[in-house]
Amino acid sequence: AAELASIDQVVIHTIGLDVDDGARAQLQCI
């Protein structure tokens, strides 16, 4: 995601569907 943001100028919105803490942290990071 960090690479794409600098190269392609794309914004990523993420939605966690009934996720645990690990998945939430990864989706938040993206």
Full PDB file with SEQRES, HELIX, SHEET, SSBOND, CRYST1, ORIGX, SCALE, CONECT and MASTER records, all heavy atoms in Angstrom:
SEQRES   1 A   30  ALA ALA GLU LEU ALA SER ILE ASP GLN VAL VAL ILE HIS          
SEQRES   2 A   30  THR ILE GLY LEU ASP VAL ASP ASP GLY ALA ARG ALA GLN          
SEQRES   3 A   30  LEU GLN CYS ILE                                              
HELIX    1 AA1 ALA A    2  ILE A    7  1                                   6    
HELIX    2 AA2 ASP A   21  CYS A   29  1                                   9    
CRYST1    1.000    1.000    1.000  90.00  90.00  90.00 P 1           1          
ORIGX1      1.000000  0.000000  0.000000        0.00000                         
ORIGX2      0.000000  1.000000  0.000000        0.00000                         
ORIGX3      0.000000  0.000000  1.000000        0.00000                         
SCALE1      1.000000  0.000000  0.000000        0.00000                         
SCALE2      0.000000  1.000000  0.000000        0.00000                         
SCALE3      0.000000  0.000000  1.000000        0.00000                         
ATOM      1  N   ALA A   1       0.828  -1.208   0.000  1.00  0.00           N  
ATOM      2  CA  ALA A   1       0.000   0.000   0.000  1.00  0.00           C  
ATOM      3  C   ALA A   1       0.861   1.255   0.000  1.00  0.00           C  
ATOM      4  O   ALA A   1       0.580   2.217  -0.724  1.00  0.00           O  
ATOM      5  CB  ALA A   1      -0.928  -0.013   1.205  1.00  0.00           C  
ATOM      6  N   ALA A   2       1.919   1.248   0.804  1.00  0.00           N  
ATOM      7  CA  ALA A   2       2.822   2.403   0.847  1.00  0.00           C  
ATOM      8  C   ALA A   2       3.490   2.612  -0.504  1.00  0.00           C  
ATOM      9  O   ALA A   2       3.657   3.749  -0.970  1.00  0.00           O  
ATOM     10  CB  ALA A   2       3.858   2.198   1.937  1.00  0.00           C  
ATOM     11  N   GLU A   3       3.876   1.516  -1.147  1.00  0.00           N  
ATOM     12  CA  GLU A   3       4.504   1.598  -2.470  1.00  0.00           C  
ATOM     13  C   GLU A   3       3.530   2.162  -3.502  1.00  0.00           C  
ATOM     14  O   GLU A   3       3.877   3.046  -4.300  1.00  0.00           O  
ATOM     15  CB  GLU A   3       4.973   0.201  -2.890  1.00  0.00           C  
ATOM     16  CG  GLU A   3       5.560   0.134  -4.288  1.00  0.00           C  
ATOM     17  CD  GLU A   3       5.871  -1.298  -4.698  1.00  0.00           C  
ATOM     18  OE1 GLU A   3       6.002  -2.166  -3.818  1.00  0.00           O  
ATOM     19  OE2 GLU A   3       5.959  -1.541  -5.921  1.00  0.00           O  
ATOM     20  N   LEU A   4       2.304   1.667  -3.502  1.00  0.00           N  
ATOM     21  CA  LEU A   4       1.315   2.127  -4.463  1.00  0.00           C  
ATOM     22  C   LEU A   4       0.956   3.594  -4.254  1.00  0.00           C  
ATOM     23  O   LEU A   4       0.720   4.328  -5.219  1.00  0.00           O  
ATOM     24  CB  LEU A   4       0.050   1.275  -4.357  1.00  0.00           C  
ATOM     25  CG  LEU A   4       0.172  -0.178  -4.813  1.00  0.00           C  
ATOM     26  CD1 LEU A   4      -1.126  -0.920  -4.537  1.00  0.00           C  
ATOM     27  CD2 LEU A   4       0.528  -0.262  -6.287  1.00  0.00           C  
ATOM     28  N   ALA A   5       0.913   4.011  -3.006  1.00  0.00           N  
ATOM     29  CA  ALA A   5       0.561   5.400  -2.712  1.00  0.00           C  
ATOM     30  C   ALA A   5       1.561   6.363  -3.334  1.00  0.00           C  
ATOM     31  O   ALA A   5       1.200   7.440  -3.809  1.00  0.00           O  
ATOM     32  CB  ALA A   5       0.484   5.618  -1.206  1.00  0.00           C  
ATOM     33  N   SER A   6       2.832   5.993  -3.337  1.00  0.00           N  
ATOM     34  CA  SER A   6       3.874   6.878  -3.874  1.00  0.00           C  
ATOM     35  C   SER A   6       3.976   6.797  -5.391  1.00  0.00           C  
ATOM     36  O   SER A   6       4.317   7.768  -6.052  1.00  0.00           O  
ATOM     37  CB  SER A   6       5.225   6.527  -3.252  1.00  0.00           C  
ATOM     38  OG  SER A   6       5.591   5.189  -3.581  1.00  0.00           O  
ATOM     39  N   ILE A   7       3.638   5.622  -5.959  1.00  0.00           N  
ATOM     40  CA  ILE A   7       3.796   5.430  -7.403  1.00  0.00           C  
ATOM     41  C   ILE A   7       2.504   5.748  -8.159  1.00  0.00           C  
ATOM     42  O   ILE A   7       2.496   6.510  -9.124  1.00  0.00           O  
ATOM     43  CB  ILE A   7       4.231   3.980  -7.706  1.00  0.00           C  
ATOM     44  CG1 ILE A   7       5.592   3.697  -7.084  1.00  0.00           C  
ATOM     45  CG2 ILE A   7       4.261   3.732  -9.212  1.00  0.00           C  
ATOM     46  CD1 ILE A   7       6.033   2.263  -7.220  1.00  0.00           C  
ATOM     47  N   ASP A   8       1.417   5.163  -7.720  1.00  0.00           N  
ATOM     48  CA  ASP A   8       0.160   5.271  -8.455  1.00  0.00           C  
ATOM     49  C   ASP A   8      -0.790   6.322  -7.907  1.00  0.00           C  
ATOM     50  O   ASP A   8      -1.838   6.576  -8.490  1.00  0.00           O  
ATOM     51  CB  ASP A   8      -0.562   3.916  -8.449  1.00  0.00           C  
ATOM     52  CG  ASP A   8       0.155   2.876  -9.303  1.00  0.00           C  
ATOM     53  OD1 ASP A   8       0.929   3.289 -10.182  1.00  0.00           O  
ATOM     54  OD2 ASP A   8      -0.058   1.681  -9.086  1.00  0.00           O  
ATOM     55  N   GLN A   9      -0.463   6.918  -6.762  1.00  0.00           N  
ATOM     56  CA  GLN A   9      -1.310   7.920  -6.132  1.00  0.00           C  
ATOM     57  C   GLN A   9      -2.742   7.388  -5.943  1.00  0.00           C  
ATOM     58  O   GLN A   9      -3.723   8.035  -6.300  1.00  0.00           O  
ATOM     59  CB  GLN A   9      -1.326   9.204  -6.952  1.00  0.00           C  
ATOM     60  CG  GLN A   9       0.035   9.892  -7.016  1.00  0.00           C  
ATOM     61  CD  GLN A   9      -0.004  11.194  -7.777  1.00  0.00           C  
ATOM     62  OE1 GLN A   9      -0.781  11.356  -8.707  1.00  0.00           O  
ATOM     63  NE2 GLN A   9       0.841  12.133  -7.398  1.00  0.00           N  
ATOM     64  N   VAL A  10      -2.831   6.190  -5.391  1.00  0.00           N  
ATOM     65  CA  VAL A  10      -4.120   5.589  -5.122  1.00  0.00           C  
ATOM     66  C   VAL A  10      -4.396   5.636  -3.625  1.00  0.00           C  
ATOM     67  O   VAL A  10      -3.489   5.466  -2.810  1.00  0.00           O  
ATOM     68  CB  VAL A  10      -4.169   4.133  -5.628  1.00  0.00           C  
ATOM     69  CG1 VAL A  10      -3.159   3.267  -4.895  1.00  0.00           C  
ATOM     70  CG2 VAL A  10      -5.574   3.544  -5.494  1.00  0.00           C  
ATOM     71  N   VAL A  11      -5.636   5.909  -3.251  1.00  0.00           N  
ATOM     72  CA  VAL A  11      -6.060   5.926  -1.860  1.00  0.00           C  
ATOM     73  C   VAL A  11      -6.861   4.661  -1.595  1.00  0.00           C  
ATOM     74  O   VAL A  11      -7.746   4.308  -2.378  1.00  0.00           O  
ATOM     75  CB  VAL A  11      -6.914   7.171  -1.551  1.00  0.00           C  
ATOM     76  CG1 VAL A  11      -7.448   7.112  -0.128  1.00  0.00           C  
ATOM     77  CG2 VAL A  11      -6.104   8.434  -1.765  1.00  0.00           C  
ATOM     78  N   ILE A  12      -6.532   3.972  -0.503  1.00  0.00           N  
ATOM     79  CA  ILE A  12      -7.217   2.729  -0.175  1.00  0.00           C  
ATOM     80  C   ILE A  12      -8.004   2.896   1.120  1.00  0.00           C  
ATOM     81  O   ILE A  12      -7.436   3.235   2.163  1.00  0.00           O  
ATOM     82  CB  ILE A  12      -6.225   1.561  -0.028  1.00  0.00           C  
ATOM     83  CG1 ILE A  12      -5.374   1.417  -1.291  1.00  0.00           C  
ATOM     84  CG2 ILE A  12      -6.971   0.256   0.251  1.00  0.00           C  
ATOM     85  CD1 ILE A  12      -4.284   0.366  -1.175  1.00  0.00           C  
ATOM     86  N   HIS A  13      -9.304   2.668   1.043  1.00  0.00           N  
ATOM     87  CA  HIS A  13     -10.165   2.646   2.218  1.00  0.00           C  
ATOM     88  C   HIS A  13     -10.436   1.182   2.554  1.00  0.00           C  
ATOM     89  O   HIS A  13     -10.766   0.392   1.664  1.00  0.00           O  
ATOM     90  CB  HIS A  13     -11.481   3.365   1.958  1.00  0.00           C  
ATOM     91  CG  HIS A  13     -11.322   4.799   1.563  1.00  0.00           C  
ATOM     92  ND1 HIS A  13     -10.902   5.765   2.439  1.00  0.00           N  
ATOM     93  CD2 HIS A  13     -11.525   5.428   0.379  1.00  0.00           C  
ATOM     94  CE1 HIS A  13     -10.854   6.937   1.824  1.00  0.00           C  
ATOM     95  NE2 HIS A  13     -11.230   6.754   0.566  1.00  0.00           N  
ATOM     96  N   THR A  14     -10.299   0.812   3.807  1.00  0.00           N  
ATOM     97  CA  THR A  14     -10.492  -0.580   4.200  1.00  0.00           C  
ATOM     98  C   THR A  14     -11.628  -0.698   5.202  1.00  0.00           C  
ATOM     99  O   THR A  14     -11.865   0.197   6.015  1.00  0.00           O  
ATOM    100  CB  THR A  14      -9.213  -1.160   4.814  1.00  0.00           C  
ATOM    101  OG1 THR A  14      -8.803  -0.353   5.923  1.00  0.00           O  
ATOM    102  CG2 THR A  14      -8.084  -1.207   3.782  1.00  0.00           C  
ATOM    103  N   ILE A  15     -12.314  -1.839   5.134  1.00  0.00           N  
ATOM    104  CA  ILE A  15     -13.437  -2.125   6.023  1.00  0.00           C  
ATOM    105  C   ILE A  15     -13.234  -3.520   6.603  1.00  0.00           C  
ATOM    106  O   ILE A  15     -13.095  -4.493   5.854  1.00  0.00           O  
ATOM    107  CB  ILE A  15     -14.778  -2.057   5.277  1.00  0.00           C  
ATOM    108  CG1 ILE A  15     -14.981  -0.658   4.676  1.00  0.00           C  
ATOM    109  CG2 ILE A  15     -15.933  -2.410   6.213  1.00  0.00           C  
ATOM    110  CD1 ILE A  15     -16.147  -0.568   3.716  1.00  0.00           C  
ATOM    111  N   GLY A  16     -13.190  -3.603   7.920  1.00  0.00           N  
ATOM    112  CA  GLY A  16     -13.042  -4.878   8.594  1.00  0.00           C  
ATOM    113  C   GLY A  16     -14.387  -5.440   8.982  1.00  0.00           C  
ATOM    114  O   GLY A  16     -15.097  -4.847   9.809  1.00  0.00           O  
ATOM    115  N   LEU A  17     -14.748  -6.585   8.407  1.00  0.00           N  
ATOM    116  CA  LEU A  17     -16.053  -7.187   8.670  1.00  0.00           C  
ATOM    117  C   LEU A  17     -15.931  -8.198   9.799  1.00  0.00           C  
ATOM    118  O   LEU A  17     -15.439  -9.312   9.610  1.00  0.00           O  
ATOM    119  CB  LEU A  17     -16.583  -7.855   7.394  1.00  0.00           C  
ATOM    120  CG  LEU A  17     -17.978  -8.486   7.470  1.00  0.00           C  
ATOM    121  CD1 LEU A  17     -19.014  -7.453   7.891  1.00  0.00           C  
ATOM    122  CD2 LEU A  17     -18.348  -9.116   6.136  1.00  0.00           C  
ATOM    123  N   ASP A  18     -16.325  -7.779  11.006  1.00  0.00           N  
ATOM    124  CA  ASP A  18     -16.301  -8.655  12.184  1.00  0.00           C  
ATOM    125  C   ASP A  18     -14.897  -9.242  12.395  1.00  0.00           C  
ATOM    126  O   ASP A  18     -14.719 -10.451  12.566  1.00  0.00           O  
ATOM    127  CB  ASP A  18     -17.327  -9.778  12.011  1.00  0.00           C  
ATOM    128  CG  ASP A  18     -17.661 -10.470  13.336  1.00  0.00           C  
ATOM    129  OD1 ASP A  18     -17.512  -9.831  14.386  1.00  0.00           O  
ATOM    130  OD2 ASP A  18     -18.064 -11.644  13.300  1.00  0.00           O  
ATOM    131  N   VAL A  19     -13.868  -8.369  12.403  1.00  0.00           N  
ATOM    132  CA  VAL A  19     -12.477  -8.819  12.438  1.00  0.00           C  
ATOM    133  C   VAL A  19     -11.930  -8.877  13.866  1.00  0.00           C  
ATOM    134  O   VAL A  19     -12.465  -8.260  14.791  1.00  0.00           O  
ATOM    135  CB  VAL A  19     -11.576  -7.889  11.607  1.00  0.00           C  
ATOM    136  CG1 VAL A  19     -11.959  -7.965  10.138  1.00  0.00           C  
ATOM    137  CG2 VAL A  19     -11.660  -6.439  12.105  1.00  0.00           C  
ATOM    138  N   ASP A  20     -10.794  -9.620  14.023  1.00  0.00           N  
ATOM    139  CA  ASP A  20     -10.084  -9.641  15.292  1.00  0.00           C  
ATOM    140  C   ASP A  20      -9.028  -8.533  15.295  1.00  0.00           C  
ATOM    141  O   ASP A  20      -8.881  -7.789  14.312  1.00  0.00           O  
ATOM    142  CB  ASP A  20      -9.453 -11.009  15.544  1.00  0.00           C  
ATOM    143  CG  ASP A  20      -8.460 -11.431  14.470  1.00  0.00           C  
ATOM    144  OD1 ASP A  20      -7.917 -10.542  13.759  1.00  0.00           O  
ATOM    145  OD2 ASP A  20      -8.208 -12.643  14.323  1.00  0.00           O  
ATOM    146  N   ASP A  21      -8.286  -8.417  16.376  1.00  0.00           N  
ATOM    147  CA  ASP A  21      -7.332  -7.326  16.521  1.00  0.00           C  
ATOM    148  C   ASP A  21      -6.232  -7.367  15.464  1.00  0.00           C  
ATOM    149  O   ASP A  21      -5.787  -6.326  14.958  1.00  0.00           O  
ATOM    150  CB  ASP A  21      -6.703  -7.356  17.920  1.00  0.00           C  
ATOM    151  CG  ASP A  21      -7.692  -6.974  19.013  1.00  0.00           C  
ATOM    152  OD1 ASP A  21      -8.742  -6.383  18.681  1.00  0.00           O  
ATOM    153  OD2 ASP A  21      -7.420  -7.271  20.194  1.00  0.00           O  
ATOM    154  N   GLY A  22      -5.764  -8.560  15.125  1.00  0.00           N  
ATOM    155  CA  GLY A  22      -4.707  -8.679  14.137  1.00  0.00           C  
ATOM    156  C   GLY A  22      -5.129  -8.197  12.768  1.00  0.00           C  
ATOM    157  O   GLY A  22      -4.404  -7.443  12.096  1.00  0.00           O  
ATOM    158  N   ALA A  23      -6.286  -8.631  12.327  1.00  0.00           N  
ATOM    159  CA  ALA A  23      -6.795  -8.204  11.028  1.00  0.00           C  
ATOM    160  C   ALA A  23      -7.074  -6.709  11.022  1.00  0.00           C  
ATOM    161  O   ALA A  23      -6.792  -6.009  10.033  1.00  0.00           O  
ATOM    162  CB  ALA A  23      -8.062  -8.980  10.692  1.00  0.00           C  
ATOM    163  N   ARG A  24      -7.620  -6.207  12.123  1.00  0.00           N  
ATOM    164  CA  ARG A  24      -7.906  -4.784  12.210  1.00  0.00           C  
ATOM    165  C   ARG A  24      -6.629  -3.967  12.065  1.00  0.00           C  
ATOM    166  O   ARG A  24      -6.594  -2.960  11.343  1.00  0.00           O  
ATOM    167  CB  ARG A  24      -8.587  -4.463  13.541  1.00  0.00           C  
ATOM    168  CG  ARG A  24      -8.945  -2.979  13.701  1.00  0.00           C  
ATOM    169  CD  ARG A  24      -9.629  -2.698  15.026  1.00  0.00           C  
ATOM    170  NE  ARG A  24     -10.926  -3.373  15.117  1.00  0.00           N  
ATOM    171  CZ  ARG A  24     -11.158  -4.445  15.857  1.00  0.00           C  
ATOM    172  NH1 ARG A  24     -10.173  -4.976  16.598  1.00  0.00           N  
ATOM    173  NH2 ARG A  24     -12.360  -4.984  15.889  1.00  0.00           N  
ATOM    174  N   ALA A  25      -5.557  -4.384  12.724  1.00  0.00           N  
ATOM    175  CA  ALA A  25      -4.298  -3.648  12.656  1.00  0.00           C  
ATOM    176  C   ALA A  25      -3.756  -3.637  11.230  1.00  0.00           C  
ATOM    177  O   ALA A  25      -3.244  -2.608  10.757  1.00  0.00           O  
ATOM    178  CB  ALA A  25      -3.280  -4.273  13.605  1.00  0.00           C  
ATOM    179  N   GLN A  26      -3.851  -4.754  10.535  1.00  0.00           N  
ATOM    180  CA  GLN A  26      -3.334  -4.809   9.170  1.00  0.00           C  
ATOM    181  C   GLN A  26      -4.166  -3.936   8.224  1.00  0.00           C  
ATOM    182  O   GLN A  26      -3.615  -3.178   7.411  1.00  0.00           O  
ATOM    183  CB  GLN A  26      -3.325  -6.252   8.657  1.00  0.00           C  
ATOM    184  CG  GLN A  26      -2.663  -6.398   7.291  1.00  0.00           C  
ATOM    185  CD  GLN A  26      -2.592  -7.835   6.852  1.00  0.00           C  
ATOM    186  OE1 GLN A  26      -3.561  -8.364   6.314  1.00  0.00           O  
ATOM    187  NE2 GLN A  26      -1.441  -8.482   7.072  1.00  0.00           N  
ATOM    188  N   LEU A  27      -5.475  -4.020   8.337  1.00  0.00           N  
ATOM    189  CA  LEU A  27      -6.333  -3.215   7.482  1.00  0.00           C  
ATOM    190  C   LEU A  27      -6.181  -1.722   7.779  1.00  0.00           C  
ATOM    191  O   LEU A  27      -6.201  -0.888   6.862  1.00  0.00           O  
ATOM    192  CB  LEU A  27      -7.786  -3.642   7.659  1.00  0.00           C  
ATOM    193  CG  LEU A  27      -8.127  -5.056   7.169  1.00  0.00           C  
ATOM    194  CD1 LEU A  27      -9.533  -5.449   7.607  1.00  0.00           C  
ATOM    195  CD2 LEU A  27      -7.989  -5.146   5.649  1.00  0.00           C  
ATOM    196  N   GLN A  28      -5.996  -1.384   9.033  1.00  0.00           N  
ATOM    197  CA  GLN A  28      -5.753   0.003   9.409  1.00  0.00           C  
ATOM    198  C   GLN A  28      -4.457   0.501   8.809  1.00  0.00           C  
ATOM    199  O   GLN A  28      -4.368   1.635   8.300  1.00  0.00           O  
ATOM    200  CB  GLN A  28      -5.697   0.121  10.935  1.00  0.00           C  
ATOM    201  CG  GLN A  28      -5.409   1.536  11.453  1.00  0.00           C  
ATOM    202  CD  GLN A  28      -6.621   2.426  11.405  1.00  0.00           C  
ATOM    203  OE1 GLN A  28      -7.597   2.188  12.102  1.00  0.00           O  
ATOM    204  NE2 GLN A  28      -6.572   3.476  10.577  1.00  0.00           N  
ATOM    205  N   CYS A  29      -3.418  -0.352   8.828  1.00  0.00           N  
ATOM    206  CA  CYS A  29      -2.119   0.014   8.262  1.00  0.00           C  
ATOM    207  C   CYS A  29      -2.216   0.277   6.762  1.00  0.00           C  
ATOM    208  O   CYS A  29      -1.618   1.225   6.245  1.00  0.00           O  
ATOM    209  CB  CYS A  29      -1.102  -1.090   8.549  1.00  0.00           C  
ATOM    210  SG  CYS A  29       0.560  -0.748   7.931  1.00  0.00           S  
ATOM    211  N   ILE A  30      -2.963  -0.546   6.053  1.00  0.00           N  
ATOM    212  CA  ILE A  30      -3.151  -0.359   4.609  1.00  0.00           C  
ATOM    213  C   ILE A  30      -3.775   1.003   4.328  1.00  0.00           C  
ATOM    214  O   ILE A  30      -3.322   1.750   3.446  1.00  0.00           O  
ATOM    215  CB  ILE A  30      -4.041  -1.483   4.041  1.00  0.00           C  
ATOM    216  CG1 ILE A  30      -3.330  -2.826   4.137  1.00  0.00           C  
ATOM    217  CG2 ILE A  30      -4.421  -1.176   2.594  1.00  0.00           C  
ATOM    218  CD1 ILE A  30      -4.230  -4.020   3.836  1.00  0.00           C  
TER     219      ILE A  30                                                      
MASTER        0    0    0    2    0    0    0    6  218    1    0    3          
END                                                                             
